[in-house]
Amino acid sequence: MRLESISAVTIAVRDMAASLEFYQRLGFQLAYGGPSASFTSLRAGAGFLNLILAGDYRPAWWGRIIFRVRDVDGLYRHCLEQGLSLHQPPSDASWGERHFHITDPDGHELSFAEELPARS
């Protein structure tokens, strides 16, 4: 048996409408559900980011979801244009990625990363 990929990640949210608006402003496309649904699925490349309504959810840091993108600087500019609050500008990491972080309305930390060209 060999694992091939992650199909979806599901995170708890307190306010589906606010969370959906946030993710759509980031550029995620609605696949199922919507602002009044208790479960919503958003496209993330070949996989999905699922939101499940959990009114008693209490945010606590648990980790981070990292999404691969082709143009991290372009996405960062898009986030600024959308009025989203970002942690810091994109930066190059020693492991070969350029990335930035953002936190959703429920405290879930997200990273968007672009692979840097190999150094010779």
PDB file of N, CA and C in Angstrom:
ATOM      1  N   MET A   1       0.834  -1.182   0.000  1.00  0.00           N
ATOM      2  CA  MET A   1       0.000   0.000   0.000  1.00  0.00           C
ATOM      3  C   MET A   1       0.878   1.245   0.000  1.00  0.00           C
ATOM      4  N   ARG A   2       0.500   2.218  -0.782  1.00  0.00           N
ATOM      5  CA  ARG A   2       1.235   3.476  -0.861  1.00  0.00           C
ATOM      6  C   ARG A   2       0.249   4.625  -0.809  1.00  0.00           C
ATOM      7  N   LEU A   3       0.474   5.555   0.089  1.00  0.00           N
ATOM      8  CA  LEU A   3      -0.373   6.748   0.131  1.00  0.00           C
ATOM      9  C   LEU A   3      -0.037   7.628  -1.061  1.00  0.00           C
ATOM     10  N   GLU A   4      -1.050   8.144  -1.724  1.00  0.00           N
ATOM     11  CA  GLU A   4      -0.835   8.924  -2.931  1.00  0.00           C
ATOM     12  C   GLU A   4      -0.968  10.419  -2.732  1.00  0.00           C
ATOM     13  N   SER A   5      -1.929  10.850  -1.922  1.00  0.00           N
ATOM     14  CA  SER A   5      -2.115  12.281  -1.710  1.00  0.00           C
ATOM     15  C   SER A   5      -3.132  12.487  -0.599  1.00  0.00           C
ATOM     16  N   ILE A   6      -3.256  13.719  -0.167  1.00  0.00           N
ATOM     17  CA  ILE A   6      -4.324  14.088   0.754  1.00  0.00           C
ATOM     18  C   ILE A   6      -5.501  14.532  -0.102  1.00  0.00           C
ATOM     19  N   SER A   7      -6.648  13.927   0.130  1.00  0.00           N
ATOM     20  CA  SER A   7      -7.842  14.273  -0.634  1.00  0.00           C
ATOM     21  C   SER A   7      -8.472  15.551  -0.102  1.00  0.00           C
ATOM     22  N   ALA A   8      -8.534  15.653   1.243  1.00  0.00           N
ATOM     23  CA  ALA A   8      -9.178  16.814   1.852  1.00  0.00           C
ATOM     24  C   ALA A   8      -8.693  16.983   3.285  1.00  0.00           C
ATOM     25  N   VAL A   9      -8.792  18.201   3.757  1.00  0.00           N
ATOM     26  CA  VAL A   9      -8.570  18.537   5.163  1.00  0.00           C
ATOM     27  C   VAL A   9      -9.856  19.211   5.617  1.00  0.00           C
ATOM     28  N   THR A  10     -10.368  18.834   6.789  1.00  0.00           N
ATOM     29  CA  THR A  10     -11.594  19.424   7.321  1.00  0.00           C
ATOM     30  C   THR A  10     -11.263  20.183   8.592  1.00  0.00           C
ATOM     31  N   ILE A  11     -11.698  21.437   8.652  1.00  0.00           N
ATOM     32  CA  ILE A  11     -11.463  22.257   9.841  1.00  0.00           C
ATOM     33  C   ILE A  11     -12.796  22.761  10.389  1.00  0.00           C
ATOM     34  N   ALA A  12     -12.841  22.950  11.702  1.00  0.00           N
ATOM     35  CA  ALA A  12     -14.043  23.447  12.373  1.00  0.00           C
ATOM     36  C   ALA A  12     -14.093  24.969  12.278  1.00  0.00           C
ATOM     37  N   VAL A  13     -15.300  25.490  12.082  1.00  0.00           N
ATOM     38  CA  VAL A  13     -15.513  26.943  12.030  1.00  0.00           C
ATOM     39  C   VAL A  13     -16.714  27.308  12.893  1.00  0.00           C
ATOM     40  N   ARG A  14     -16.718  28.521  13.411  1.00  0.00           N
ATOM     41  CA  ARG A  14     -17.826  28.997  14.240  1.00  0.00           C
ATOM     42  C   ARG A  14     -18.905  29.691  13.432  1.00  0.00           C
ATOM     43  N   ASP A  15     -18.525  30.315  12.321  1.00  0.00           N
ATOM     44  CA  ASP A  15     -19.455  31.100  11.506  1.00  0.00           C
ATOM     45  C   ASP A  15     -19.182  30.759  10.038  1.00  0.00           C
ATOM     46  N   MET A  16     -20.037  29.908   9.474  1.00  0.00           N
ATOM     47  CA  MET A  16     -19.807  29.427   8.112  1.00  0.00           C
ATOM     48  C   MET A  16     -19.765  30.579   7.113  1.00  0.00           C
ATOM     49  N   ALA A  17     -20.674  31.531   7.221  1.00  0.00           N
ATOM     50  CA  ALA A  17     -20.718  32.637   6.255  1.00  0.00           C
ATOM     51  C   ALA A  17     -19.426  33.445   6.292  1.00  0.00           C
ATOM     52  N   ALA A  18     -18.935  33.774   7.486  1.00  0.00           N
ATOM     53  CA  ALA A  18     -17.696  34.555   7.607  1.00  0.00           C
ATOM     54  C   ALA A  18     -16.500  33.757   7.100  1.00  0.00           C
ATOM     55  N   SER A  19     -16.448  32.476   7.422  1.00  0.00           N
ATOM     56  CA  SER A  19     -15.332  31.638   6.965  1.00  0.00           C
ATOM     57  C   SER A  19     -15.352  31.479   5.456  1.00  0.00           C
ATOM     58  N   LEU A  20     -16.527  31.229   4.907  1.00  0.00           N
ATOM     59  CA  LEU A  20     -16.637  31.069   3.460  1.00  0.00           C
ATOM     60  C   LEU A  20     -16.221  32.351   2.741  1.00  0.00           C
ATOM     61  N   GLU A  21     -16.648  33.492   3.245  1.00  0.00           N
ATOM     62  CA  GLU A  21     -16.249  34.762   2.634  1.00  0.00           C
ATOM     63  C   GLU A  21     -14.727  34.921   2.656  1.00  0.00           C
ATOM     64  N   PHE A  22     -14.104  34.613   3.784  1.00  0.00           N
ATOM     65  CA  PHE A  22     -12.650  34.701   3.913  1.00  0.00           C
ATOM     66  C   PHE A  22     -11.961  33.828   2.860  1.00  0.00           C
ATOM     67  N   TYR A  23     -12.358  32.561   2.777  1.00  0.00           N
ATOM     68  CA  TYR A  23     -11.692  31.647   1.846  1.00  0.00           C
ATOM     69  C   TYR A  23     -11.967  32.004   0.391  1.00  0.00           C
ATOM     70  N   GLN A  24     -13.150  32.492   0.089  1.00  0.00           N
ATOM     71  CA  GLN A  24     -13.413  32.913  -1.283  1.00  0.00           C
ATOM     72  C   GLN A  24     -12.605  34.157  -1.627  1.00  0.00           C
ATOM     73  N   ARG A  25     -12.381  35.041  -0.671  1.00  0.00           N
ATOM     74  CA  ARG A  25     -11.526  36.211  -0.912  1.00  0.00           C
ATOM     75  C   ARG A  25     -10.092  35.783  -1.180  1.00  0.00           C
ATOM     76  N   LEU A  26      -9.666  34.670  -0.582  1.00  0.00           N
ATOM     77  CA  LEU A  26      -8.335  34.124  -0.851  1.00  0.00           C
ATOM     78  C   LEU A  26      -8.248  33.512  -2.248  1.00  0.00           C
ATOM     79  N   GLY A  27      -9.393  33.137  -2.821  1.00  0.00           N
ATOM     80  CA  GLY A  27      -9.405  32.559  -4.157  1.00  0.00           C
ATOM     81  C   GLY A  27      -9.901  31.128  -4.214  1.00  0.00           C
ATOM     82  N   PHE A  28     -10.320  30.548  -3.084  1.00  0.00           N
ATOM     83  CA  PHE A  28     -10.864  29.197  -3.093  1.00  0.00           C
ATOM     84  C   PHE A  28     -12.221  29.197  -3.795  1.00  0.00           C
ATOM     85  N   GLN A  29     -12.510  28.128  -4.522  1.00  0.00           N
ATOM     86  CA  GLN A  29     -13.760  27.990  -5.263  1.00  0.00           C
ATOM     87  C   GLN A  29     -14.709  27.061  -4.508  1.00  0.00           C
ATOM     88  N   LEU A  30     -15.967  27.463  -4.376  1.00  0.00           N
ATOM     89  CA  LEU A  30     -16.978  26.665  -3.702  1.00  0.00           C
ATOM     90  C   LEU A  30     -17.288  25.418  -4.518  1.00  0.00           C
ATOM     91  N   ALA A  31     -17.238  24.247  -3.876  1.00  0.00           N
ATOM     92  CA  ALA A  31     -17.581  22.992  -4.539  1.00  0.00           C
ATOM     93  C   ALA A  31     -18.900  22.428  -4.015  1.00  0.00           C
ATOM     94  N   TYR A  32     -19.205  22.688  -2.744  1.00  0.00           N
ATOM     95  CA  TYR A  32     -20.400  22.133  -2.114  1.00  0.00           C
ATOM     96  C   TYR A  32     -20.726  22.963  -0.881  1.00  0.00           C
ATOM     97  N   GLY A  33     -21.998  23.094  -0.575  1.00  0.00           N
ATOM     98  CA  GLY A  33     -22.408  23.811   0.633  1.00  0.00           C
ATOM     99  C   GLY A  33     -22.629  25.276   0.340  1.00  0.00           C
ATOM    100  N   GLY A  34     -22.325  26.106   1.331  1.00  0.00           N
ATOM    101  CA  GLY A  34     -22.513  27.541   1.168  1.00  0.00           C
ATOM    102  C   GLY A  34     -22.606  28.220   2.517  1.00  0.00           C
ATOM    103  N   PRO A  35     -22.940  29.515   2.537  1.00  0.00           N
ATOM    104  CA  PRO A  35     -22.905  30.306   3.774  1.00  0.00           C
ATOM    105  C   PRO A  35     -23.864  29.837   4.863  1.00  0.00           C
ATOM    106  N   SER A  36     -24.958  29.162   4.507  1.00  0.00           N
ATOM    107  CA  SER A  36     -25.894  28.699   5.530  1.00  0.00           C
ATOM    108  C   SER A  36     -25.791  27.190   5.773  1.00  0.00           C
ATOM    109  N   ALA A  37     -24.827  26.526   5.154  1.00  0.00           N
ATOM    110  CA  ALA A  37     -24.659  25.078   5.305  1.00  0.00           C
ATOM    111  C   ALA A  37     -23.885  24.742   6.582  1.00  0.00           C
ATOM    112  N   SER A  38     -24.048  23.524   7.049  1.00  0.00           N
ATOM    113  CA  SER A  38     -23.259  23.072   8.200  1.00  0.00           C
ATOM    114  C   SER A  38     -21.958  22.415   7.743  1.00  0.00           C
ATOM    115  N   PHE A  39     -21.851  22.127   6.442  1.00  0.00           N
ATOM    116  CA  PHE A  39     -20.636  21.547   5.859  1.00  0.00           C
ATOM    117  C   PHE A  39     -20.439  22.166   4.487  1.00  0.00           C
ATOM    118  N   THR A  40     -19.236  22.654   4.238  1.00  0.00           N
ATOM    119  CA  THR A  40     -18.908  23.283   2.960  1.00  0.00           C
ATOM    120  C   THR A  40     -17.579  22.737   2.482  1.00  0.00           C
ATOM    121  N   SER A  41     -17.469  22.535   1.188  1.00  0.00           N
ATOM    122  CA  SER A  41     -16.241  22.028   0.591  1.00  0.00           C
ATOM    123  C   SER A  41     -15.742  23.034  -0.441  1.00  0.00           C
ATOM    124  N   LEU A  42     -14.457  23.339  -0.364  1.00  0.00           N
ATOM    125  CA  LEU A  42     -13.809  24.295  -1.268  1.00  0.00           C
ATOM    126  C   LEU A  42     -12.715  23.586  -2.053  1.00  0.00           C
ATOM    127  N   ARG A  43     -12.575  23.935  -3.317  1.00  0.00           N
ATOM    128  CA  ARG A  43     -11.524  23.324  -4.143  1.00  0.00           C
ATOM    129  C   ARG A  43     -10.153  23.883  -3.754  1.00  0.00           C
ATOM    130  N   ALA A  44      -9.194  22.975  -3.659  1.00  0.00           N
ATOM    131  CA  ALA A  44      -7.801  23.330  -3.384  1.00  0.00           C
ATOM    132  C   ALA A  44      -6.947  22.485  -4.328  1.00  0.00           C
ATOM    133  N   GLY A  45      -6.840  22.921  -5.579  1.00  0.00           N
ATOM    134  CA  GLY A  45      -6.131  22.130  -6.578  1.00  0.00           C
ATOM    135  C   GLY A  45      -6.894  20.841  -6.835  1.00  0.00           C
ATOM    136  N   ALA A  46      -6.221  19.699  -6.708  1.00  0.00           N
ATOM    137  CA  ALA A  46      -6.868  18.405  -6.908  1.00  0.00           C
ATOM    138  C   ALA A  46      -7.590  17.938  -5.647  1.00  0.00           C
ATOM    139  N   GLY A  47      -7.406  18.629  -4.541  1.00  0.00           N
ATOM    140  CA  GLY A  47      -8.025  18.249  -3.272  1.00  0.00           C
ATOM    141  C   GLY A  47      -9.051  19.270  -2.821  1.00  0.00           C
ATOM    142  N   PHE A  48      -9.430  19.152  -1.554  1.00  0.00           N
ATOM    143  CA  PHE A  48     -10.466  20.009  -1.004  1.00  0.00           C
ATOM    144  C   PHE A  48     -10.112  20.478   0.401  1.00  0.00           C
ATOM    145  N   LEU A  49     -10.574  21.659   0.729  1.00  0.00           N
ATOM    146  CA  LEU A  49     -10.557  22.171   2.095  1.00  0.00           C
ATOM    147  C   LEU A  49     -12.018  22.195   2.523  1.00  0.00           C
ATOM    148  N   ASN A  50     -12.346  21.424   3.550  1.00  0.00           N
ATOM    149  CA  ASN A  50     -13.712  21.344   4.044  1.00  0.00           C
ATOM    150  C   ASN A  50     -13.861  22.176   5.308  1.00  0.00           C
ATOM    151  N   LEU A  51     -15.009  22.821   5.432  1.00  0.00           N
ATOM    152  CA  LEU A  51     -15.359  23.596   6.621  1.00  0.00           C
ATOM    153  C   LEU A  51     -16.564  22.936   7.255  1.00  0.00           C
ATOM    154  N   ILE A  52     -16.489  22.666   8.555  1.00  0.00           N
ATOM    155  CA  ILE A  52     -17.614  22.071   9.257  1.00  0.00           C
ATOM    156  C   ILE A  52     -18.016  22.990  10.400  1.00  0.00           C
ATOM    157  N   LEU A  53     -19.300  23.280  10.470  1.00  0.00           N
ATOM    158  CA  LEU A  53     -19.809  24.214  11.471  1.00  0.00           C
ATOM    159  C   LEU A  53     -19.776  23.554  12.848  1.00  0.00           C
ATOM    160  N   ALA A  54     -19.103  24.192  13.776  1.00  0.00           N
ATOM    161  CA  ALA A  54     -18.993  23.706  15.155  1.00  0.00           C
ATOM    162  C   ALA A  54     -19.080  24.924  16.056  1.00  0.00           C
ATOM    163  N   GLY A  55     -20.303  25.315  16.393  1.00  0.00           N
ATOM    164  CA  GLY A  55     -20.535  26.530  17.166  1.00  0.00           C
ATOM    165  C   GLY A  55     -19.779  26.609  18.470  1.00  0.00           C
ATOM    166  N   ASP A  56     -19.442  25.448  19.074  1.00  0.00           N
ATOM    167  CA  ASP A  56     -18.711  25.460  20.338  1.00  0.00           C
ATOM    168  C   ASP A  56     -17.211  25.344  20.138  1.00  0.00           C
ATOM    169  N   TYR A  57     -16.755  25.484  18.905  1.00  0.00           N
ATOM    170  CA  TYR A  57     -15.325  25.382  18.602  1.00  0.00           C
ATOM    171  C   TYR A  57     -14.561  26.477  19.336  1.00  0.00           C
ATOM    172  N   ARG A  58     -13.482  26.100  19.989  1.00  0.00           N
ATOM    173  CA  ARG A  58     -12.607  27.059  20.673  1.00  0.00           C
ATOM    174  C   ARG A  58     -11.237  27.013  20.018  1.00  0.00           C
ATOM    175  N   PRO A  59     -10.835  28.098  19.393  1.00  0.00           N
ATOM    176  CA  PRO A  59      -9.553  28.097  18.680  1.00  0.00           C
ATOM    177  C   PRO A  59      -8.385  27.793  19.608  1.00  0.00           C
ATOM    178  N   ALA A  60      -7.511  26.957  19.121  1.00  0.00           N
ATOM    179  CA  ALA A  60      -6.246  26.650  19.793  1.00  0.00           C
ATOM    180  C   ALA A  60      -5.261  26.288  18.683  1.00  0.00           C
ATOM    181  N   TRP A  61      -4.029  26.703  18.849  1.00  0.00           N
ATOM    182  CA  TRP A  61      -3.063  26.388  17.793  1.00  0.00           C
ATOM    183  C   TRP A  61      -2.857  24.892  17.735  1.00  0.00           C
ATOM    184  N   TRP A  62      -2.967  24.333  16.570  1.00  0.00           N
ATOM    185  CA  TRP A  62      -2.845  22.889  16.371  1.00  0.00           C
ATOM    186  C   TRP A  62      -1.863  22.557  15.258  1.00  0.00           C
ATOM    187  N   GLY A  63      -1.467  23.548  14.499  1.00  0.00           N
ATOM    188  CA  GLY A  63      -0.580  23.319  13.372  1.00  0.00           C
ATOM    189  C   GLY A  63      -0.903  24.297  12.261  1.00  0.00           C
ATOM    190  N   ARG A  64      -0.601  23.914  11.050  1.00  0.00           N
ATOM    191  CA  ARG A  64      -0.768  24.821   9.912  1.00  0.00           C
ATOM    192  C   ARG A  64      -1.054  23.989   8.669  1.00  0.00           C
ATOM    193  N   ILE A  65      -1.891  24.515   7.788  1.00  0.00           N
ATOM    194  CA  ILE A  65      -2.124  23.898   6.479  1.00  0.00           C
ATOM    195  C   ILE A  65      -1.296  24.685   5.478  1.00  0.00           C
ATOM    196  N   ILE A  66      -0.534  23.985   4.665  1.00  0.00           N
ATOM    197  CA  ILE A  66       0.333  24.632   3.682  1.00  0.00           C
ATOM    198  C   ILE A  66      -0.180  24.299   2.281  1.00  0.00           C
ATOM    199  N   PHE A  67      -0.420  25.337   1.493  1.00  0.00           N
ATOM    200  CA  PHE A  67      -0.896  25.190   0.122  1.00  0.00           C
ATOM    201  C   PHE A  67       0.216  25.589  -0.832  1.00  0.00           C
ATOM    202  N   ARG A  68       0.433  24.789  -1.851  1.00  0.00           N
ATOM    203  CA  ARG A  68       1.418  25.101  -2.896  1.00  0.00           C
ATOM    204  C   ARG A  68       0.747  26.008  -3.913  1.00  0.00           C
ATOM    205  N   VAL A  69       1.416  27.096  -4.282  1.00  0.00           N
ATOM    206  CA  VAL A  69       0.922  28.017  -5.300  1.00  0.00           C
ATOM    207  C   VAL A  69       2.024  28.279  -6.319  1.00  0.00           C
ATOM    208  N   ARG A  70       1.653  28.830  -7.459  1.00  0.00           N
ATOM    209  CA  ARG A  70       2.639  29.132  -8.502  1.00  0.00           C
ATOM    210  C   ARG A  70       3.250  30.513  -8.355  1.00  0.00           C
ATOM    211  N   ASP A  71       2.509  31.445  -7.774  1.00  0.00           N
ATOM    212  CA  ASP A  71       2.977  32.829  -7.662  1.00  0.00           C
ATOM    213  C   ASP A  71       2.642  33.355  -6.270  1.00  0.00           C
ATOM    214  N   VAL A  72       3.509  33.083  -5.330  1.00  0.00           N
ATOM    215  CA  VAL A  72       3.254  33.460  -3.940  1.00  0.00           C
ATOM    216  C   VAL A  72       3.180  34.981  -3.776  1.00  0.00           C
ATOM    217  N   ASP A  73       4.015  35.714  -4.504  1.00  0.00           N
ATOM    218  CA  ASP A  73       3.991  37.176  -4.401  1.00  0.00           C
ATOM    219  C   ASP A  73       2.696  37.744  -4.982  1.00  0.00           C
ATOM    220  N   GLY A  74       2.225  37.150  -6.084  1.00  0.00           N
ATOM    221  CA  GLY A  74       0.962  37.578  -6.675  1.00  0.00           C
ATOM    222  C   GLY A  74      -0.206  37.309  -5.745  1.00  0.00           C
ATOM    223  N   LEU A  75      -0.201  36.145  -5.077  1.00  0.00           N
ATOM    224  CA  LEU A  75      -1.266  35.835  -4.124  1.00  0.00           C
ATOM    225  C   LEU A  75      -1.198  36.774  -2.927  1.00  0.00           C
ATOM    226  N   TYR A  76      -0.009  37.092  -2.482  1.00  0.00           N
ATOM    227  CA  TYR A  76       0.146  38.036  -1.363  1.00  0.00           C
ATOM    228  C   TYR A  76      -0.465  39.398  -1.730  1.00  0.00           C
ATOM    229  N   ARG A  77      -0.154  39.890  -2.941  1.00  0.00           N
ATOM    230  CA  ARG A  77      -0.729  41.168  -3.393  1.00  0.00           C
ATOM    231  C   ARG A  77      -2.257  41.080  -3.471  1.00  0.00           C
ATOM    232  N   HIS A  78      -2.758  39.947  -3.963  1.00  0.00           N
ATOM    233  CA  HIS A  78      -4.208  39.733  -4.039  1.00  0.00           C
ATOM    234  C   HIS A  78      -4.828  39.810  -2.639  1.00  0.00           C
ATOM    235  N   CYS A  79      -4.192  39.192  -1.665  1.00  0.00           N
ATOM    236  CA  CYS A  79      -4.695  39.225  -0.279  1.00  0.00           C
ATOM    237  C   CYS A  79      -4.738  40.658   0.245  1.00  0.00           C
ATOM    238  N   LEU A  80      -3.700  41.428  -0.033  1.00  0.00           N
ATOM    239  CA  LEU A  80      -3.682  42.832   0.387  1.00  0.00           C
ATOM    240  C   LEU A  80      -4.824  43.606  -0.277  1.00  0.00           C
ATOM    241  N   GLU A  81      -5.024  43.366  -1.576  1.00  0.00           N
ATOM    242  CA  GLU A  81      -6.116  44.035  -2.306  1.00  0.00           C
ATOM    243  C   GLU A  81      -7.475  43.658  -1.735  1.00  0.00           C
ATOM    244  N   GLN A  82      -7.592  42.451  -1.204  1.00  0.00           N
ATOM    245  CA  GLN A  82      -8.843  41.975  -0.612  1.00  0.00           C
ATOM    246  C   GLN A  82      -9.018  42.465   0.828  1.00  0.00           C
ATOM    247  N   GLY A  83      -8.029  43.193   1.350  1.00  0.00           N
ATOM    248  CA  GLY A  83      -8.110  43.719   2.710  1.00  0.00           C
ATOM    249  C   GLY A  83      -7.861  42.695   3.795  1.00  0.00           C
ATOM    250  N   LEU A  84      -7.225  41.584   3.445  1.00  0.00           N
ATOM    251  CA  LEU A  84      -6.943  40.544   4.435  1.00  0.00           C
ATOM    252  C   LEU A  84      -5.716  40.909   5.261  1.00  0.00           C
ATOM    253  N   SER A  85      -5.733  40.521   6.515  1.00  0.00           N
ATOM    254  CA  SER A  85      -4.637  40.811   7.438  1.00  0.00           C
ATOM    255  C   SER A  85      -3.598  39.692   7.365  1.00  0.00           C
ATOM    256  N   LEU A  86      -2.382  40.048   7.012  1.00  0.00           N
ATOM    257  CA  LEU A  86      -1.313  39.070   6.816  1.00  0.00           C
ATOM    258  C   LEU A  86      -0.248  39.197   7.898  1.00  0.00           C
ATOM    259  N   HIS A  87       0.418  38.092   8.188  1.00  0.00           N
ATOM    260  CA  HIS A  87       1.445  38.083   9.227  1.00  0.00           C
ATOM    261  C   HIS A  87       2.672  38.890   8.821  1.00  0.00           C
ATOM    262  N   GLN A  88       3.166  38.642   7.615  1.00  0.00           N
ATOM    263  CA  GLN A  88       4.374  39.311   7.123  1.00  0.00           C
ATOM    264  C   GLN A  88       4.473  39.089   5.624  1.00  0.00           C
ATOM    265  N   PRO A  89       5.295  39.856   4.940  1.00  0.00           N
ATOM    266  CA  PRO A  89       5.457  39.660   3.488  1.00  0.00           C
ATOM    267  C   PRO A  89       6.094  38.297   3.189  1.00  0.00           C
ATOM    268  N   PRO A  90       5.980  37.816   1.962  1.00  0.00           N
ATOM    269  CA  PRO A  90       6.625  36.552   1.599  1.00  0.00           C
ATOM    270  C   PRO A  90       8.125  36.611   1.854  1.00  0.00           C
ATOM    271  N   SER A  91       8.682  35.460   2.236  1.00  0.00           N
ATOM    272  CA  SER A  91      10.121  35.365   2.463  1.00  0.00           C
ATOM    273  C   SER A  91      10.610  34.015   1.963  1.00  0.00           C
ATOM    274  N   ASP A  92      11.909  33.965   1.679  1.00  0.00           N
ATOM    275  CA  ASP A  92      12.530  32.728   1.215  1.00  0.00           C
ATOM    276  C   ASP A  92      12.983  31.915   2.425  1.00  0.00           C
ATOM    277  N   ALA A  93      12.668  30.624   2.407  1.00  0.00           N
ATOM    278  CA  ALA A  93      13.046  29.725   3.491  1.00  0.00           C
ATOM    279  C   ALA A  93      14.247  28.877   3.067  1.00  0.00           C
ATOM    280  N   SER A  94      15.000  28.456   4.043  1.00  0.00           N
ATOM    281  CA  SER A  94      16.214  27.674   3.770  1.00  0.00           C
ATOM    282  C   SER A  94      15.909  26.326   3.118  1.00  0.00           C
ATOM    283  N   TRP A  95      14.684  25.822   3.243  1.00  0.00           N
ATOM    284  CA  TRP A  95      14.327  24.524   2.663  1.00  0.00           C
ATOM    285  C   TRP A  95      13.860  24.641   1.216  1.00  0.00           C
ATOM    286  N   GLY A  96      13.959  25.844   0.620  1.00  0.00           N
ATOM    287  CA  GLY A  96      13.704  25.990  -0.811  1.00  0.00           C
ATOM    288  C   GLY A  96      12.317  26.442  -1.210  1.00  0.00           C
ATOM    289  N   GLU A  97      11.632  27.133  -0.299  1.00  0.00           N
ATOM    290  CA  GLU A  97      10.318  27.669  -0.619  1.00  0.00           C
ATOM    291  C   GLU A  97      10.262  29.160  -0.310  1.00  0.00           C
ATOM    292  N   ARG A  98       9.415  29.850  -1.051  1.00  0.00           N
ATOM    293  CA  ARG A  98       9.050  31.227  -0.736  1.00  0.00           C
ATOM    294  C   ARG A  98       7.628  31.151  -0.215  1.00  0.00           C
ATOM    295  N   HIS A  99       7.344  31.765   0.938  1.00  0.00           N
ATOM    296  CA  HIS A  99       6.049  31.554   1.573  1.00  0.00           C
ATOM    297  C   HIS A  99       5.600  32.752   2.399  1.00  0.00           C
ATOM    298  N   PHE A 100       4.299  32.741   2.748  1.00  0.00           N
ATOM    299  CA  PHE A 100       3.760  33.674   3.729  1.00  0.00           C
ATOM    300  C   PHE A 100       2.643  32.973   4.490  1.00  0.00           C
ATOM    301  N   HIS A 101       2.288  33.529   5.654  1.00  0.00           N
ATOM    302  CA  HIS A 101       1.261  32.958   6.519  1.00  0.00           C
ATOM    303  C   HIS A 101       0.088  33.934   6.668  1.00  0.00           C
ATOM    304  N   ILE A 102      -1.078  33.351   6.927  1.00  0.00           N
ATOM    305  CA  ILE A 102      -2.285  34.119   7.215  1.00  0.00           C
ATOM    306  C   ILE A 102      -3.123  33.282   8.184  1.00  0.00           C
ATOM    307  N   THR A 103      -3.944  33.935   8.987  1.00  0.00           N
ATOM    308  CA  THR A 103      -4.816  33.233   9.927  1.00  0.00           C
ATOM    309  C   THR A 103      -6.269  33.494   9.542  1.00  0.00           C
ATOM    310  N   ASP A 104      -7.075  32.430   9.521  1.00  0.00           N
ATOM    311  CA  ASP A 104      -8.486  32.585   9.150  1.00  0.00           C
ATOM    312  C   ASP A 104      -9.298  33.106  10.340  1.00  0.00           C
ATOM    313  N   PRO A 105     -10.585  33.387  10.157  1.00  0.00           N
ATOM    314  CA  PRO A 105     -11.391  33.969  11.245  1.00  0.00           C
ATOM    315  C   PRO A 105     -11.488  33.099  12.494  1.00  0.00           C
ATOM    316  N   ASP A 106     -11.197  31.798  12.382  1.00  0.00           N
ATOM    317  CA  ASP A 106     -11.273  30.904  13.537  1.00  0.00           C
ATOM    318  C   ASP A 106      -9.910  30.581  14.135  1.00  0.00           C
ATOM    319  N   GLY A 107      -8.864  31.249  13.656  1.00  0.00           N
ATOM    320  CA  GLY A 107      -7.538  31.038  14.211  1.00  0.00           C
ATOM    321  C   GLY A 107      -6.730  29.947  13.536  1.00  0.00           C
ATOM    322  N   HIS A 108      -7.241  29.365  12.444  1.00  0.00           N
ATOM    323  CA  HIS A 108      -6.485  28.348  11.710  1.00  0.00           C
ATOM    324  C   HIS A 108      -5.372  29.038  10.925  1.00  0.00           C
ATOM    325  N   GLU A 109      -4.162  28.554  11.102  1.00  0.00           N
ATOM    326  CA  GLU A 109      -3.032  29.162  10.399  1.00  0.00           C
ATOM    327  C   GLU A 109      -2.840  28.472   9.051  1.00  0.00           C
ATOM    328  N   LEU A 110      -2.702  29.300   8.007  1.00  0.00           N
ATOM    329  CA  LEU A 110      -2.499  28.820   6.651  1.00  0.00           C
ATOM    330  C   LEU A 110      -1.191  29.381   6.126  1.00  0.00           C
ATOM    331  N   SER A 111      -0.502  28.591   5.322  1.00  0.00           N
ATOM    332  CA  SER A 111       0.683  29.061   4.616  1.00  0.00           C
ATOM    333  C   SER A 111       0.480  28.824   3.133  1.00  0.00           C
ATOM    334  N   PHE A 112       1.032  29.725   2.347  1.00  0.00           N
ATOM    335  CA  PHE A 112       1.021  29.581   0.899  1.00  0.00           C
ATOM    336  C   PHE A 112       2.476  29.622   0.466  1.00  0.00           C
ATOM    337  N   ALA A 113       2.895  28.594  -0.276  1.00  0.00           N
ATOM    338  CA  ALA A 113       4.308  28.436  -0.602  1.00  0.00           C
ATOM    339  C   ALA A 113       4.513  28.125  -2.075  1.00  0.00           C
ATOM    340  N   GLU A 114       5.600  28.649  -2.573  1.00  0.00           N
ATOM    341  CA  GLU A 114       6.026  28.427  -3.961  1.00  0.00           C
ATOM    342  C   GLU A 114       7.430  27.839  -3.896  1.00  0.00           C
ATOM    343  N   GLU A 115       7.665  26.786  -4.672  1.00  0.00           N
ATOM    344  CA  GLU A 115       8.995  26.180  -4.696  1.00  0.00           C
ATOM    345  C   GLU A 115       9.960  27.104  -5.413  1.00  0.00           C
ATOM    346  N   LEU A 116      11.111  27.336  -4.796  1.00  0.00           N
ATOM    347  CA  LEU A 116      12.141  28.177  -5.402  1.00  0.00           C
ATOM    348  C   LEU A 116      12.954  27.356  -6.395  1.00  0.00           C
ATOM    349  N   PRO A 117      13.465  27.988  -7.439  1.00  0.00           N
ATOM    350  CA  PRO A 117      14.324  27.257  -8.378  1.00  0.00           C
ATOM    351  C   PRO A 117      15.539  26.703  -7.644  1.00  0.00           C
ATOM    352  N   ALA A 118      15.981  25.531  -8.079  1.00  0.00           N
ATOM    353  CA  ALA A 118      17.156  24.896  -7.462  1.00  0.00           C
ATOM    354  C   ALA A 118      18.384  25.758  -7.694  1.00  0.00           C
ATOM    355  N   ARG A 119      19.191  25.842  -6.657  1.00  0.00           N
ATOM    356  CA  ARG A 119      20.449  26.609  -6.768  1.00  0.00           C
ATOM    357  C   ARG A 119      21.535  25.693  -7.287  1.00  0.00           C
ATOM    358  N   SER A 120      22.400  26.241  -8.135  1.00  0.00           N
ATOM    359  CA  SER A 120      23.507  25.407  -8.638  1.00  0.00           C
ATOM    360  C   SER A 120      24.815  25.813  -8.040  1.00  0.00           C
TER     361      SER A 120
END
